[in-house]
Amino acid sequence: MVSLFRCKICGDPYIGETKPSRCPFCGAYEGFMVEAKDYTETFDVELNEADKAMVEKALGVEISNAEFYSCAAEKTDDLEGKQLFKILGKVEAEHASIWRKILKLPKDALSKSDDCSTVNNDNLNESHRREDHAIEFYKQSAKDAKNKRVKQIFAALVQVETDHLKLSEERLK
């Protein structure tokens, strides 16, 4: 039987016979996927100034990473690298979308970036640096955030970004 699921992190719907092991849009783990009938929208949250500053910084990190990955997907000299960077760019853009919803900002198109290399290993190294930075920032933000929903999103994205880090690590061996 086909069912409708929603991700508790990004809110996006998914149609399938079974719940996916990861959100196909933001990468959140299976525990965040619920049947749509059990989903409650939770992007309308009150932010104190510190939480708002962390969310704004997170938005900037995700936009920058999405733009980098989009560039790398076009320019890198490795076919698998092109595919890896393409999906990472989509996931990072989805993460930016989450933060825009929290901040009540409109969807914006990503800017074109030339801030990448044609050499796949250079892009993998830059990916590793960016993901490591995001993980450390998100871990600290998950600890510091006062808003329960913001804390939940930061914690979920630590898991997803850690997977991204592992992807670059495996390819750099």
N, C-alpha and C. Protein backbone atom coordinates (compact mmCIF):
# COMPACT_ATOMS: atom_id res chain seq x y z
N MET A 1 0.84 -1.19 0.00
CA MET A 1 0.00 0.00 0.00
C MET A 1 0.89 1.25 0.00
N VAL A 2 0.54 2.20 -0.79
CA VAL A 2 1.30 3.45 -0.87
C VAL A 2 0.85 4.37 0.26
N SER A 3 1.82 5.00 0.90
CA SER A 3 1.53 5.90 2.01
C SER A 3 2.19 7.25 1.78
N LEU A 4 1.73 8.22 2.53
CA LEU A 4 2.31 9.56 2.50
C LEU A 4 3.02 9.78 3.83
N PHE A 5 4.31 10.12 3.75
CA PHE A 5 5.12 10.38 4.93
C PHE A 5 5.56 11.84 4.90
N ARG A 6 5.93 12.37 6.07
CA ARG A 6 6.50 13.72 6.15
C ARG A 6 7.73 13.66 7.04
N CYS A 7 8.67 14.52 6.74
CA CYS A 7 9.89 14.64 7.53
C CYS A 7 9.67 15.68 8.61
N LYS A 8 9.96 15.33 9.86
CA LYS A 8 9.78 16.26 10.98
C LYS A 8 10.85 17.35 11.00
N ILE A 9 11.90 17.21 10.19
CA ILE A 9 12.94 18.23 10.15
C ILE A 9 12.65 19.25 9.05
N CYS A 10 12.47 18.79 7.81
CA CYS A 10 12.24 19.75 6.71
C CYS A 10 10.76 19.93 6.37
N GLY A 11 9.92 18.99 6.81
CA GLY A 11 8.49 19.10 6.55
C GLY A 11 8.05 18.59 5.19
N ASP A 12 8.99 18.17 4.36
CA ASP A 12 8.63 17.76 3.00
C ASP A 12 7.93 16.40 2.99
N PRO A 13 6.98 16.22 2.07
CA PRO A 13 6.26 14.95 1.96
C PRO A 13 7.00 13.95 1.08
N TYR A 14 6.76 12.69 1.35
CA TYR A 14 7.36 11.59 0.59
C TYR A 14 6.29 10.53 0.38
N ILE A 15 6.14 10.04 -0.85
CA ILE A 15 5.19 8.99 -1.17
C ILE A 15 5.97 7.69 -1.35
N GLY A 16 5.53 6.65 -0.65
CA GLY A 16 6.20 5.36 -0.80
C GLY A 16 5.44 4.24 -0.12
N GLU A 17 5.86 3.03 -0.42
CA GLU A 17 5.24 1.88 0.21
C GLU A 17 5.75 1.68 1.63
N THR A 18 6.98 2.13 1.87
CA THR A 18 7.56 2.05 3.20
C THR A 18 8.23 3.37 3.54
N LYS A 19 8.39 3.58 4.81
CA LYS A 19 9.08 4.79 5.28
C LYS A 19 10.55 4.69 4.86
N PRO A 20 11.10 5.75 4.28
CA PRO A 20 12.50 5.70 3.85
C PRO A 20 13.45 5.72 5.06
N SER A 21 14.63 5.17 4.87
CA SER A 21 15.62 5.17 5.95
C SER A 21 16.17 6.56 6.21
N ARG A 22 16.07 7.43 5.23
CA ARG A 22 16.49 8.84 5.34
C ARG A 22 15.50 9.69 4.57
N CYS A 23 15.32 10.90 5.01
CA CYS A 23 14.51 11.83 4.24
C CYS A 23 15.22 12.04 2.90
N PRO A 24 14.52 11.84 1.78
CA PRO A 24 15.17 12.02 0.49
C PRO A 24 15.48 13.48 0.15
N PHE A 25 15.04 14.40 0.97
CA PHE A 25 15.25 15.82 0.69
C PHE A 25 16.33 16.43 1.58
N CYS A 26 16.21 16.24 2.90
CA CYS A 26 17.18 16.86 3.81
C CYS A 26 18.14 15.85 4.42
N GLY A 27 17.88 14.56 4.24
CA GLY A 27 18.78 13.53 4.75
C GLY A 27 18.55 13.13 6.20
N ALA A 28 17.54 13.70 6.86
CA ALA A 28 17.28 13.36 8.26
C ALA A 28 17.03 11.86 8.40
N TYR A 29 17.43 11.32 9.53
CA TYR A 29 17.33 9.89 9.77
C TYR A 29 15.88 9.43 9.87
N GLU A 30 15.68 8.13 9.70
CA GLU A 30 14.36 7.51 9.65
C GLU A 30 13.45 7.89 10.81
N GLY A 31 14.01 8.06 11.99
CA GLY A 31 13.20 8.42 13.15
C GLY A 31 12.45 9.73 13.00
N PHE A 32 12.87 10.56 12.07
CA PHE A 32 12.21 11.83 11.82
C PHE A 32 11.13 11.73 10.74
N MET A 33 11.01 10.55 10.12
CA MET A 33 9.98 10.34 9.10
C MET A 33 8.74 9.76 9.77
N VAL A 34 7.60 10.42 9.56
CA VAL A 34 6.33 9.97 10.16
C VAL A 34 5.25 9.95 9.10
N GLU A 35 4.19 9.22 9.38
CA GLU A 35 3.05 9.26 8.46
C GLU A 35 2.49 10.68 8.47
N ALA A 36 2.08 11.14 7.32
CA ALA A 36 1.63 12.53 7.18
C ALA A 36 0.51 12.86 8.15
N LYS A 37 -0.36 11.91 8.42
CA LYS A 37 -1.48 12.17 9.33
C LYS A 37 -0.99 12.45 10.76
N ASP A 38 0.22 12.03 11.08
CA ASP A 38 0.80 12.25 12.41
C ASP A 38 1.73 13.45 12.48
N TYR A 39 1.84 14.19 11.38
CA TYR A 39 2.78 15.31 11.30
C TYR A 39 2.10 16.61 11.70
N THR A 40 2.81 17.38 12.49
CA THR A 40 2.35 18.72 12.85
C THR A 40 3.44 19.71 12.42
N GLU A 41 3.06 20.69 11.64
CA GLU A 41 3.99 21.71 11.16
C GLU A 41 4.60 22.45 12.35
N THR A 42 5.91 22.59 12.36
CA THR A 42 6.58 23.21 13.51
C THR A 42 7.66 24.20 13.10
N PHE A 43 7.35 25.04 12.15
CA PHE A 43 8.33 26.05 11.73
C PHE A 43 8.02 27.43 12.30
N ASP A 44 6.86 27.59 12.86
CA ASP A 44 6.47 28.87 13.45
C ASP A 44 6.89 28.87 14.91
N VAL A 45 8.14 29.26 15.15
CA VAL A 45 8.70 29.20 16.50
C VAL A 45 9.15 30.59 16.95
N GLU A 46 9.14 30.79 18.25
CA GLU A 46 9.65 32.03 18.84
C GLU A 46 11.15 31.89 19.05
N LEU A 47 11.91 32.84 18.57
CA LEU A 47 13.36 32.81 18.71
C LEU A 47 13.82 33.94 19.61
N ASN A 48 14.65 33.62 20.59
CA ASN A 48 15.32 34.70 21.32
C ASN A 48 16.46 35.20 20.43
N GLU A 49 17.10 36.26 20.83
CA GLU A 49 18.14 36.86 19.99
C GLU A 49 19.30 35.92 19.71
N ALA A 50 19.72 35.15 20.72
CA ALA A 50 20.85 34.23 20.55
C ALA A 50 20.49 33.11 19.56
N ASP A 51 19.30 32.54 19.72
CA ASP A 51 18.87 31.48 18.80
C ASP A 51 18.73 32.04 17.39
N LYS A 52 18.17 33.23 17.27
CA LYS A 52 18.02 33.83 15.95
C LYS A 52 19.38 34.03 15.28
N ALA A 53 20.36 34.48 16.04
CA ALA A 53 21.71 34.67 15.49
C ALA A 53 22.30 33.35 15.03
N MET A 54 22.10 32.27 15.79
CA MET A 54 22.61 30.96 15.38
C MET A 54 21.91 30.47 14.11
N VAL A 55 20.61 30.67 14.04
CA VAL A 55 19.85 30.24 12.86
C VAL A 55 20.27 31.05 11.64
N GLU A 56 20.48 32.34 11.80
CA GLU A 56 20.95 33.16 10.68
C GLU A 56 22.33 32.71 10.20
N LYS A 57 23.21 32.39 11.15
CA LYS A 57 24.54 31.89 10.77
C LYS A 57 24.41 30.55 10.06
N ALA A 58 23.53 29.67 10.56
CA ALA A 58 23.32 28.37 9.92
C ALA A 58 22.82 28.54 8.49
N LEU A 59 21.92 29.49 8.28
CA LEU A 59 21.43 29.77 6.93
C LEU A 59 22.60 30.15 6.03
N GLY A 60 23.47 31.01 6.51
CA GLY A 60 24.63 31.42 5.72
C GLY A 60 25.56 30.25 5.40
N VAL A 61 25.77 29.37 6.37
CA VAL A 61 26.61 28.18 6.15
C VAL A 61 26.00 27.31 5.06
N GLU A 62 24.70 27.08 5.14
CA GLU A 62 24.04 26.19 4.18
C GLU A 62 24.00 26.78 2.79
N ILE A 63 23.76 28.07 2.69
CA ILE A 63 23.76 28.72 1.37
C ILE A 63 25.15 28.63 0.75
N SER A 64 26.17 28.96 1.53
CA SER A 64 27.54 28.89 1.04
C SER A 64 27.91 27.48 0.59
N ASN A 65 27.53 26.49 1.39
CA ASN A 65 27.85 25.11 1.03
C ASN A 65 27.08 24.66 -0.20
N ALA A 66 25.81 25.03 -0.31
CA ALA A 66 25.02 24.68 -1.49
C ALA A 66 25.63 25.29 -2.75
N GLU A 67 26.06 26.53 -2.66
CA GLU A 67 26.67 27.20 -3.82
C GLU A 67 27.99 26.54 -4.18
N PHE A 68 28.80 26.18 -3.18
CA PHE A 68 30.06 25.48 -3.44
C PHE A 68 29.80 24.16 -4.15
N TYR A 69 28.86 23.37 -3.61
CA TYR A 69 28.59 22.06 -4.19
C TYR A 69 28.03 22.17 -5.60
N SER A 70 27.23 23.17 -5.85
CA SER A 70 26.70 23.38 -7.20
C SER A 70 27.85 23.66 -8.17
N CYS A 71 28.78 24.49 -7.75
CA CYS A 71 29.95 24.80 -8.57
C CYS A 71 30.78 23.53 -8.80
N ALA A 72 31.05 22.80 -7.72
CA ALA A 72 31.87 21.59 -7.83
C ALA A 72 31.21 20.55 -8.73
N ALA A 73 29.88 20.46 -8.69
CA ALA A 73 29.17 19.49 -9.54
C ALA A 73 29.37 19.81 -11.01
N GLU A 74 29.50 21.08 -11.33
CA GLU A 74 29.72 21.48 -12.72
C GLU A 74 31.18 21.34 -13.15
N LYS A 75 32.10 21.67 -12.26
CA LYS A 75 33.49 21.81 -12.67
C LYS A 75 34.40 20.62 -12.39
N THR A 76 34.06 19.79 -11.43
CA THR A 76 35.01 18.76 -11.02
C THR A 76 35.33 17.80 -12.17
N ASP A 77 36.52 17.23 -12.13
CA ASP A 77 37.01 16.40 -13.23
C ASP A 77 36.69 14.91 -13.06
N ASP A 78 35.75 14.57 -12.19
CA ASP A 78 35.44 13.17 -11.89
C ASP A 78 33.93 12.96 -11.99
N LEU A 79 33.50 11.96 -12.75
CA LEU A 79 32.08 11.73 -12.97
C LEU A 79 31.34 11.42 -11.67
N GLU A 80 31.89 10.53 -10.84
CA GLU A 80 31.23 10.24 -9.57
C GLU A 80 31.22 11.50 -8.69
N GLY A 81 32.31 12.24 -8.71
CA GLY A 81 32.37 13.49 -7.95
C GLY A 81 31.27 14.45 -8.37
N LYS A 82 31.01 14.56 -9.66
CA LYS A 82 29.94 15.43 -10.15
C LYS A 82 28.60 15.03 -9.52
N GLN A 83 28.33 13.72 -9.48
CA GLN A 83 27.07 13.24 -8.91
C GLN A 83 27.01 13.46 -7.41
N LEU A 84 28.11 13.19 -6.73
CA LEU A 84 28.17 13.40 -5.28
C LEU A 84 27.93 14.87 -4.95
N PHE A 85 28.62 15.76 -5.63
CA PHE A 85 28.47 17.19 -5.34
C PHE A 85 27.08 17.69 -5.72
N LYS A 86 26.50 17.11 -6.76
CA LYS A 86 25.14 17.51 -7.16
C LYS A 86 24.14 17.21 -6.05
N ILE A 87 24.17 16.00 -5.49
CA ILE A 87 23.22 15.66 -4.44
C ILE A 87 23.53 16.41 -3.16
N LEU A 88 24.80 16.59 -2.84
CA LEU A 88 25.14 17.37 -1.64
C LEU A 88 24.64 18.80 -1.77
N GLY A 89 24.72 19.36 -2.97
CA GLY A 89 24.21 20.71 -3.19
C GLY A 89 22.71 20.79 -2.97
N LYS A 90 21.99 19.77 -3.43
CA LYS A 90 20.54 19.75 -3.23
C LYS A 90 20.19 19.63 -1.75
N VAL A 91 20.91 18.77 -1.03
CA VAL A 91 20.64 18.59 0.40
C VAL A 91 20.95 19.88 1.17
N GLU A 92 22.08 20.50 0.86
CA GLU A 92 22.43 21.74 1.56
C GLU A 92 21.42 22.85 1.24
N ALA A 93 20.92 22.89 0.02
CA ALA A 93 19.89 23.88 -0.32
C ALA A 93 18.62 23.60 0.48
N GLU A 94 18.30 22.33 0.69
CA GLU A 94 17.15 21.99 1.51
C GLU A 94 17.37 22.43 2.96
N HIS A 95 18.58 22.26 3.46
CA HIS A 95 18.89 22.72 4.81
C HIS A 95 18.70 24.24 4.91
N ALA A 96 19.13 24.95 3.89
CA ALA A 96 18.92 26.40 3.88
C ALA A 96 17.43 26.72 3.91
N SER A 97 16.65 25.93 3.20
CA SER A 97 15.20 26.11 3.18
C SER A 97 14.59 25.94 4.57
N ILE A 98 15.11 25.00 5.34
CA ILE A 98 14.63 24.79 6.72
C ILE A 98 14.84 26.07 7.53
N TRP A 99 16.04 26.60 7.45
CA TRP A 99 16.35 27.81 8.24
C TRP A 99 15.54 29.00 7.75
N ARG A 100 15.29 29.08 6.44
CA ARG A 100 14.43 30.17 5.92
C ARG A 100 13.02 30.07 6.50
N LYS A 101 12.50 28.85 6.62
CA LYS A 101 11.16 28.65 7.20
C LYS A 101 11.15 29.12 8.66
N ILE A 102 12.18 28.77 9.40
CA ILE A 102 12.26 29.18 10.81
C ILE A 102 12.33 30.70 10.92
N LEU A 103 13.10 31.32 10.03
CA LEU A 103 13.27 32.78 10.04
C LEU A 103 12.14 33.52 9.32
N LYS A 104 11.22 32.76 8.73
CA LYS A 104 10.09 33.32 7.97
C LYS A 104 10.58 34.19 6.80
N LEU A 105 11.57 33.67 6.09
CA LEU A 105 12.13 34.35 4.92
C LEU A 105 11.65 33.67 3.66
N PRO A 106 11.51 34.42 2.58
CA PRO A 106 11.08 33.80 1.31
C PRO A 106 12.19 32.91 0.73
N LYS A 107 11.78 32.01 -0.13
CA LYS A 107 12.75 31.17 -0.84
C LYS A 107 13.54 32.06 -1.78
N ASP A 108 14.83 31.89 -1.78
CA ASP A 108 15.70 32.64 -2.69
C ASP A 108 16.44 31.66 -3.58
N ALA A 109 16.70 32.07 -4.79
CA ALA A 109 17.53 31.27 -5.68
C ALA A 109 18.98 31.39 -5.21
N LEU A 110 19.72 30.33 -5.40
CA LEU A 110 21.14 30.36 -5.05
C LEU A 110 21.90 31.18 -6.07
N SER A 111 22.94 31.83 -5.61
CA SER A 111 23.81 32.57 -6.51
C SER A 111 24.78 31.60 -7.17
N LYS A 112 25.27 32.00 -8.32
CA LYS A 112 26.32 31.21 -8.98
C LYS A 112 27.63 31.46 -8.25
N SER A 113 28.39 30.40 -8.08
CA SER A 113 29.68 30.51 -7.42
C SER A 113 30.76 29.91 -8.30
N ASP A 114 31.92 30.50 -8.29
CA ASP A 114 33.09 29.93 -8.96
C ASP A 114 34.13 29.53 -7.93
N ASP A 115 33.68 29.39 -6.69
CA ASP A 115 34.57 29.12 -5.57
C ASP A 115 34.80 27.61 -5.41
N CYS A 116 35.24 26.97 -6.49
CA CYS A 116 35.54 25.54 -6.44
C CYS A 116 36.64 25.26 -7.45
N SER A 117 37.08 24.02 -7.46
CA SER A 117 38.18 23.61 -8.32
C SER A 117 37.69 22.69 -9.42
N THR A 118 38.51 22.51 -10.42
CA THR A 118 38.23 21.49 -11.43
C THR A 118 38.81 20.15 -10.98
N VAL A 119 39.62 20.16 -9.94
CA VAL A 119 40.27 18.94 -9.44
C VAL A 119 39.41 18.32 -8.34
N ASN A 120 38.95 17.11 -8.58
CA ASN A 120 38.03 16.45 -7.65
C ASN A 120 38.57 16.38 -6.23
N ASN A 121 39.83 16.00 -6.05
CA ASN A 121 40.39 15.89 -4.69
C ASN A 121 40.42 17.23 -3.98
N ASP A 122 40.66 18.31 -4.72
CA ASP A 122 40.62 19.64 -4.09
C ASP A 122 39.21 19.92 -3.59
N ASN A 123 38.20 19.58 -4.38
CA ASN A 123 36.81 19.79 -3.96
C ASN A 123 36.45 18.88 -2.79
N LEU A 124 36.95 17.65 -2.79
CA LEU A 124 36.70 16.75 -1.66
C LEU A 124 37.31 17.31 -0.38
N ASN A 125 38.52 17.83 -0.49
CA ASN A 125 39.16 18.44 0.69
C ASN A 125 38.37 19.65 1.18
N GLU A 126 37.90 20.47 0.26
CA GLU A 126 37.10 21.64 0.64
C GLU A 126 35.77 21.19 1.24
N SER A 127 35.18 20.15 0.68
CA SER A 127 33.95 19.59 1.22
C SER A 127 34.17 19.13 2.66
N HIS A 128 35.27 18.43 2.88
CA HIS A 128 35.60 17.94 4.21
C HIS A 128 35.74 19.10 5.19
N ARG A 129 36.42 20.15 4.78
CA ARG A 129 36.60 21.32 5.65
C ARG A 129 35.26 21.96 5.97
N ARG A 130 34.43 22.14 4.97
CA ARG A 130 33.12 22.77 5.16
C ARG A 130 32.22 21.93 6.07
N GLU A 131 32.18 20.63 5.83
CA GLU A 131 31.32 19.76 6.64
C GLU A 131 31.81 19.71 8.09
N ASP A 132 33.11 19.65 8.27
CA ASP A 132 33.67 19.65 9.62
C ASP A 132 33.29 20.93 10.37
N HIS A 133 33.39 22.05 9.67
CA HIS A 133 33.00 23.35 10.25
C HIS A 133 31.52 23.35 10.62
N ALA A 134 30.67 22.87 9.72
CA ALA A 134 29.23 22.84 9.99
C ALA A 134 28.91 21.94 11.18
N ILE A 135 29.55 20.79 11.24
CA ILE A 135 29.29 19.85 12.34
C ILE A 135 29.65 20.49 13.68
N GLU A 136 30.81 21.09 13.77
CA GLU A 136 31.23 21.71 15.04
C GLU A 136 30.28 22.84 15.44
N PHE A 137 29.91 23.68 14.48
CA PHE A 137 28.98 24.77 14.76
C PHE A 137 27.62 24.23 15.19
N TYR A 138 27.12 23.22 14.48
CA TYR A 138 25.80 22.66 14.79
C TYR A 138 25.79 21.93 16.14
N LYS A 139 26.87 21.23 16.46
CA LYS A 139 26.94 20.56 17.77
C LYS A 139 26.84 21.59 18.89
N GLN A 140 27.62 22.66 18.76
CA GLN A 140 27.60 23.70 19.79
C GLN A 140 26.23 24.39 19.83
N SER A 141 25.67 24.64 18.68
CA SER A 141 24.36 25.30 18.61
C SER A 141 23.27 24.41 19.21
N ALA A 142 23.36 23.10 18.99
CA ALA A 142 22.38 22.18 19.57
C ALA A 142 22.45 22.24 21.10
N LYS A 143 23.63 22.43 21.63
CA LYS A 143 23.79 22.56 23.09
C LYS A 143 23.28 23.91 23.59
N ASP A 144 23.57 24.96 22.84
CA ASP A 144 23.30 26.32 23.31
C ASP A 144 21.87 26.81 23.05
N ALA A 145 21.22 26.27 22.03
CA ALA A 145 19.89 26.76 21.65
C ALA A 145 18.90 26.58 22.80
N LYS A 146 18.08 27.58 22.99
CA LYS A 146 17.04 27.52 24.02
C LYS A 146 15.74 26.96 23.46
N ASN A 147 15.45 27.25 22.18
CA ASN A 147 14.22 26.79 21.56
C ASN A 147 14.35 25.30 21.25
N LYS A 148 13.40 24.52 21.73
CA LYS A 148 13.42 23.07 21.59
C LYS A 148 13.45 22.64 20.12
N ARG A 149 12.68 23.30 19.28
CA ARG A 149 12.62 22.95 17.86
C ARG A 149 13.94 23.25 17.15
N VAL A 150 14.52 24.40 17.45
CA VAL A 150 15.82 24.76 16.87
C VAL A 150 16.88 23.77 17.32
N LYS A 151 16.86 23.40 18.58
CA LYS A 151 17.79 22.42 19.13
C LYS A 151 17.65 21.09 18.37
N GLN A 152 16.40 20.67 18.11
CA GLN A 152 16.12 19.42 17.39
C GLN A 152 16.70 19.46 15.98
N ILE A 153 16.50 20.57 15.29
CA ILE A 153 17.00 20.69 13.92
C ILE A 153 18.52 20.66 13.90
N PHE A 154 19.16 21.40 14.78
CA PHE A 154 20.62 21.38 14.83
C PHE A 154 21.13 19.97 15.09
N ALA A 155 20.53 19.26 16.02
CA ALA A 155 20.97 17.89 16.34
C ALA A 155 20.78 16.96 15.15
N ALA A 156 19.67 17.07 14.46
CA ALA A 156 19.41 16.23 13.29
C ALA A 156 20.42 16.53 12.18
N LEU A 157 20.73 17.79 12.00
CA LEU A 157 21.66 18.16 10.92
C LEU A 157 23.09 17.77 11.25
N VAL A 158 23.44 17.64 12.53
CA VAL A 158 24.76 17.11 12.89
C VAL A 158 24.90 15.70 12.30
N GLN A 159 23.85 14.89 12.44
CA GLN A 159 23.88 13.53 11.90
C GLN A 159 24.06 13.55 10.38
N VAL A 160 23.30 14.39 9.71
CA VAL A 160 23.34 14.44 8.25
C VAL A 160 24.70 14.94 7.77
N GLU A 161 25.19 16.01 8.38
CA GLU A 161 26.48 16.57 7.96
C GLU A 161 27.62 15.59 8.26
N THR A 162 27.48 14.79 9.32
CA THR A 162 28.49 13.77 9.62
C THR A 162 28.53 12.73 8.50
N ASP A 163 27.38 12.38 7.96
CA ASP A 163 27.35 11.48 6.81
C ASP A 163 28.06 12.10 5.62
N HIS A 164 27.85 13.40 5.40
CA HIS A 164 28.53 14.09 4.30
C HIS A 164 30.05 14.06 4.50
N LEU A 165 30.47 14.26 5.72
CA LEU A 165 31.90 14.23 6.04
C LEU A 165 32.48 12.85 5.72
N LYS A 166 31.75 11.81 6.08
CA LYS A 166 32.21 10.44 5.81
C LYS A 166 32.34 10.18 4.31
N LEU A 167 31.43 10.76 3.53
CA LEU A 167 31.51 10.58 2.08
C LEU A 167 32.81 11.15 1.52
N SER A 168 33.20 12.33 1.98
CA SER A 168 34.46 12.90 1.49
C SER A 168 35.65 12.11 2.04
N GLU A 169 35.58 11.71 3.30
CA GLU A 169 36.69 10.95 3.90
C GLU A 169 36.95 9.65 3.11
N GLU A 170 35.89 8.93 2.78
CA GLU A 170 36.03 7.67 2.05
C GLU A 170 36.68 7.88 0.70
N ARG A 171 36.38 8.97 0.04
CA ARG A 171 36.91 9.23 -1.28
C ARG A 171 38.32 9.80 -1.26
N LEU A 172 38.72 10.34 -0.12
CA LEU A 172 40.07 10.91 -0.01
C LEU A 172 41.12 9.86 0.38
N LYS A 173 40.66 8.67 0.74
CA LYS A 173 41.61 7.60 1.13
C LYS A 173 42.43 7.14 -0.03
